[in-house]
């Protein structure tokens, strides 16, 4: 409502909506849908965060227990529940990523803000990770629909992929004294 005689400035030059005071038409169903989605998300926020953190912790524990020469990147206390980032020494992150993709597992190497780039994550470099270890990093994320079966499947595939890639790695053979990784 506008008081008679008051001539407000236009917010956005545009069409004839609202007597040419603003352009565009509000998508009312989308606004209502967004409000409902936000309400639902807020109502389940704590429950979802606990579940997501439990899936992440299950994953982190299994990876560290089953895969040697792995570095967990990040703070173990102050962290998002939905993220686990590892550097797998003696293998390239892109190779791991392609193999995981072939197994139907979606994750990422590098940083989220430079997806599509082969540059290592600037965040990992900033926390002091050497470039060669940052290149072997993979970021796994978890959501409210992630199950224990999803986590276990990913760990099984990841263990096999890392073993296979390290068996081909001259760097790893050098570390193991020329022995094959088993």
Protein backbone atom coordinates (compact mmCIF):
# COMPACT_ATOMS: atom_id res chain seq x y z
CA UNK A 1 0.00 0.00 0.00
CA UNK A 2 1.18 3.49 -0.82
CA UNK A 3 -0.30 6.63 0.71
CA UNK A 4 -2.07 8.88 -1.77
CA UNK A 5 0.19 11.59 -3.11
CA UNK A 6 3.44 9.69 -2.33
CA UNK A 7 5.52 8.83 -5.40
CA UNK A 8 8.04 6.13 -4.42
CA UNK A 9 11.13 5.56 -6.52
CA UNK A 10 11.12 2.51 -8.76
CA UNK A 11 13.05 -0.44 -7.37
CA UNK A 12 13.76 -1.96 -10.78
CA UNK A 13 12.90 -0.48 -14.15
CA UNK A 14 10.79 -2.94 -16.02
CA UNK A 15 7.33 -4.01 -17.06
CA UNK A 16 3.90 -2.80 -16.08
CA UNK A 17 3.65 -4.88 -12.90
CA UNK A 18 2.80 -2.92 -9.80
CA UNK A 19 2.10 0.20 -11.89
CA UNK A 20 5.67 0.20 -13.35
CA UNK A 21 7.27 0.37 -9.88
CA UNK A 22 9.19 -2.89 -10.35
CA UNK A 23 9.97 -5.35 -13.11
CA UNK A 24 9.18 -9.06 -12.98
CA UNK A 25 6.47 -11.11 -11.40
CA UNK A 26 7.00 -12.97 -8.16
CA UNK A 27 6.78 -16.72 -8.58
CA UNK A 28 4.36 -17.22 -5.67
CA UNK A 29 4.30 -21.05 -5.82
CA UNK A 30 8.10 -21.13 -5.68
CA UNK A 31 8.17 -18.70 -2.75
CA UNK A 32 5.63 -20.81 -0.84
CA UNK A 33 7.54 -24.00 -1.73
CA UNK A 34 10.83 -22.50 -0.56
CA UNK A 35 9.27 -21.47 2.74
CA UNK A 36 7.90 -25.00 3.26
CA UNK A 37 11.27 -26.56 2.38
CA UNK A 38 13.10 -24.25 4.80
CA UNK A 39 10.64 -25.06 7.58
CA UNK A 40 11.08 -28.79 6.98
CA UNK A 41 14.87 -28.47 6.87
CA UNK A 42 14.96 -26.48 10.11
CA UNK A 43 12.66 -28.94 11.87
CA UNK A 44 15.03 -31.81 11.00
CA UNK A 45 18.33 -29.95 11.18
CA UNK A 46 19.70 -31.51 14.38
CA UNK A 47 18.50 -35.03 13.52
CA UNK A 48 19.98 -34.83 10.03
CA UNK A 49 23.28 -33.38 11.28
CA UNK A 50 23.66 -36.24 13.80
CA UNK A 51 22.96 -38.85 11.12
CA UNK A 52 25.31 -37.23 8.60
CA UNK A 53 28.10 -36.93 11.19
CA UNK A 54 27.65 -40.61 12.12
CA UNK A 55 28.00 -41.64 8.47
CA UNK A 56 31.08 -39.41 8.06
CA UNK A 57 32.65 -40.83 11.23
CA UNK A 58 31.97 -44.41 10.11
CA UNK A 59 33.66 -43.61 6.80
CA UNK A 60 36.68 -41.84 8.34
CA UNK A 61 37.28 -44.65 10.84
CA UNK A 62 37.09 -47.35 8.15
CA UNK A 63 39.36 -45.50 5.72
CA UNK A 64 42.01 -44.85 8.37
CA UNK A 65 41.84 -48.45 9.61
CA UNK A 66 41.96 -50.11 6.19
CA UNK A 67 44.14 -47.90 4.00
CA UNK A 68 47.78 -47.18 4.91
CA UNK A 69 49.51 -43.92 3.99
CA UNK A 70 46.38 -41.81 4.19
CA UNK A 71 46.13 -38.32 5.66
CA UNK A 72 42.89 -36.91 7.04
CA UNK A 73 42.77 -33.25 6.00
CA UNK A 74 41.10 -30.88 8.40
CA UNK A 75 40.24 -30.44 12.02
CA UNK A 76 38.76 -33.49 13.70
CA UNK A 77 36.60 -31.45 16.09
CA UNK A 78 35.61 -28.21 14.32
CA UNK A 79 34.30 -29.51 11.03
CA UNK A 80 31.17 -29.78 9.00
CA UNK A 81 29.26 -33.01 9.53
CA UNK A 82 28.93 -33.58 5.79
CA UNK A 83 32.56 -33.59 4.67
CA UNK A 84 35.64 -35.84 4.85
CA UNK A 85 38.77 -35.00 2.90
CA UNK A 86 41.66 -37.44 2.58
CA UNK A 87 45.02 -37.40 0.84
CA UNK A 88 46.05 -40.80 -0.44
CA UNK A 89 49.81 -40.81 -0.72
CA UNK A 90 51.58 -42.11 -3.83
CA UNK A 91 48.53 -41.85 -6.11
CA UNK A 92 46.89 -39.01 -8.01
CA UNK A 93 43.47 -37.79 -6.93
CA UNK A 94 42.21 -37.68 -10.52
CA UNK A 95 42.95 -41.39 -10.98
CA UNK A 96 41.09 -42.23 -7.78
CA UNK A 97 38.22 -39.99 -8.82
CA UNK A 98 37.82 -41.62 -12.25
CA UNK A 99 37.87 -45.10 -10.75
CA UNK A 100 35.31 -44.16 -8.09
CA UNK A 101 33.09 -42.67 -10.79
CA UNK A 102 33.18 -45.97 -12.68
CA UNK A 103 31.88 -47.62 -9.51
CA UNK A 104 28.99 -45.15 -9.28
CA UNK A 105 30.55 -43.12 -6.47
CA UNK A 106 30.40 -39.35 -6.82
CA UNK A 107 33.03 -37.29 -5.03
CA UNK A 108 35.54 -34.59 -5.89
CA UNK A 109 39.22 -33.82 -6.02
CA UNK A 110 40.54 -30.31 -5.50
CA UNK A 111 38.41 -27.66 -3.88
CA UNK A 112 34.72 -27.08 -4.40
CA UNK A 113 35.33 -23.54 -5.61
CA UNK A 114 37.71 -24.68 -8.35
CA UNK A 115 35.87 -27.72 -9.65
CA UNK A 116 36.95 -28.66 -13.13
CA UNK A 117 40.49 -27.46 -12.45
CA UNK A 118 43.44 -29.81 -12.04
CA UNK A 119 45.02 -27.44 -9.52
CA UNK A 120 45.26 -28.77 -5.97
CA UNK A 121 42.94 -27.27 -3.39
CA UNK A 122 44.21 -23.86 -2.29
CA UNK A 123 42.70 -24.60 1.14
CA UNK A 124 44.80 -27.74 1.55
CA UNK A 125 47.88 -25.83 0.46
CA UNK A 126 47.02 -23.03 2.92
CA UNK A 127 46.83 -25.48 5.84
CA UNK A 128 50.35 -26.64 4.97
CA UNK A 129 49.77 -29.78 2.93
CA UNK A 130 52.55 -30.22 0.35
CA UNK A 131 51.41 -29.93 -3.26
CA UNK A 132 52.05 -33.60 -4.09
CA UNK A 133 49.85 -34.69 -1.18
CA UNK A 134 47.17 -32.14 -2.07
CA UNK A 135 47.10 -33.65 -5.58
CA UNK A 136 46.20 -37.01 -4.03
CA UNK A 137 43.24 -35.62 -2.12
CA UNK A 138 39.60 -36.58 -2.48
CA UNK A 139 36.63 -34.86 -0.85
CA UNK A 140 33.74 -37.10 0.15
CA UNK A 141 30.42 -35.61 1.19
CA UNK A 142 27.49 -37.16 3.01
CA UNK A 143 23.82 -36.27 3.19
CA UNK A 144 20.68 -37.11 5.10
CA UNK A 145 19.97 -39.98 2.71
CA UNK A 146 23.45 -41.56 3.01
CA UNK A 147 23.17 -45.07 4.46
CA UNK A 148 25.63 -47.37 6.22
CA UNK A 149 25.48 -49.54 3.10
CA UNK A 150 26.54 -46.54 0.99
CA UNK A 151 29.49 -45.91 3.30
CA UNK A 152 30.55 -49.57 3.40
CA UNK A 153 30.29 -49.90 -0.39
CA UNK A 154 32.41 -46.78 -0.87
CA UNK A 155 35.07 -48.00 1.56
CA UNK A 156 35.26 -51.43 -0.14
CA UNK A 157 35.66 -49.88 -3.57
CA UNK A 158 38.12 -47.27 -2.32
CA UNK A 159 40.36 -49.88 -0.67
CA UNK A 160 40.53 -51.89 -3.92
CA UNK A 161 41.15 -48.78 -6.03
CA UNK A 162 43.98 -47.51 -3.83
CA UNK A 163 45.60 -50.96 -3.74
CA UNK A 164 45.39 -51.22 -7.53
CA UNK A 165 46.75 -47.72 -8.19
CA UNK A 166 49.59 -48.14 -5.72
CA UNK A 167 50.54 -51.45 -7.32
CA UNK A 168 51.22 -49.45 -10.50
CA UNK A 169 52.91 -46.52 -8.75
CA UNK A 170 56.69 -46.26 -9.10
CA UNK A 171 56.68 -43.91 -6.11
CA UNK A 172 55.00 -46.49 -3.92
CA UNK A 173 57.30 -49.27 -5.16
CA UNK A 174 60.26 -47.09 -4.17
CA UNK A 175 58.84 -46.58 -0.67
CA UNK A 176 58.16 -50.31 -0.29
CA UNK A 177 61.73 -51.15 -1.41
CA UNK A 178 60.65 -52.44 -4.79
CA UNK A 179 58.04 -54.77 -3.29
CA UNK A 180 54.55 -54.92 -4.69
CA UNK A 181 51.87 -53.39 -2.48
CA UNK A 182 49.51 -56.02 -1.14
